[in-house]
């Protein structure tokens, strides 16, 4: 799945650039308005779809470096809260939507291994009236496509042995690679 450190880095940058307080869903903001984010679904692509690159390790002919790219998709719900004004939450959501639309912000996400994609541009008003007061909430969904680069150093294979048996006869052939 998408590492929480990656999500934290992206939403910390959003908070810095937009002044919209963004916290994980299990925290609440210290002051209104604020936004939170939550991964609501995830998909790991099948391992056979992952690409693997294998190269000789520089300076060490007895090792190879294998790089595997594991791909994940996470759908995130972004929610924005206020206890005083509906306009505050709409403005916060608009700032974050616009943040994802800028190419330099897209490049920042890509540097973290994430490609953000809007599922649709619908922002839902989920405000409620309870105990004589409004709790204002708007929400939208975004998908993060994440590529995890896994690098391993492995011992190189120097030969392959093939053993054949026919009746009482055994034969082993060793082939250098």
Foldseek 3Di string as FASTA:
>chain_A
DQDVVLVVVLVVVLCVVQVAAEDAPVDDDPAPWHKYKDFPDKDWPDQVPKDKDKAQDPPDNFKIKIKIKTKMKTKMKMKIKDFPDQVRRVVSVVSSVVLLVDPVSQVVSVVSQKHKAFPDPDKAWPWDADPNGIITMIMGMIMIMGIDIDMDMGGDDQWDWDWDDDPPDIDIDIGGD
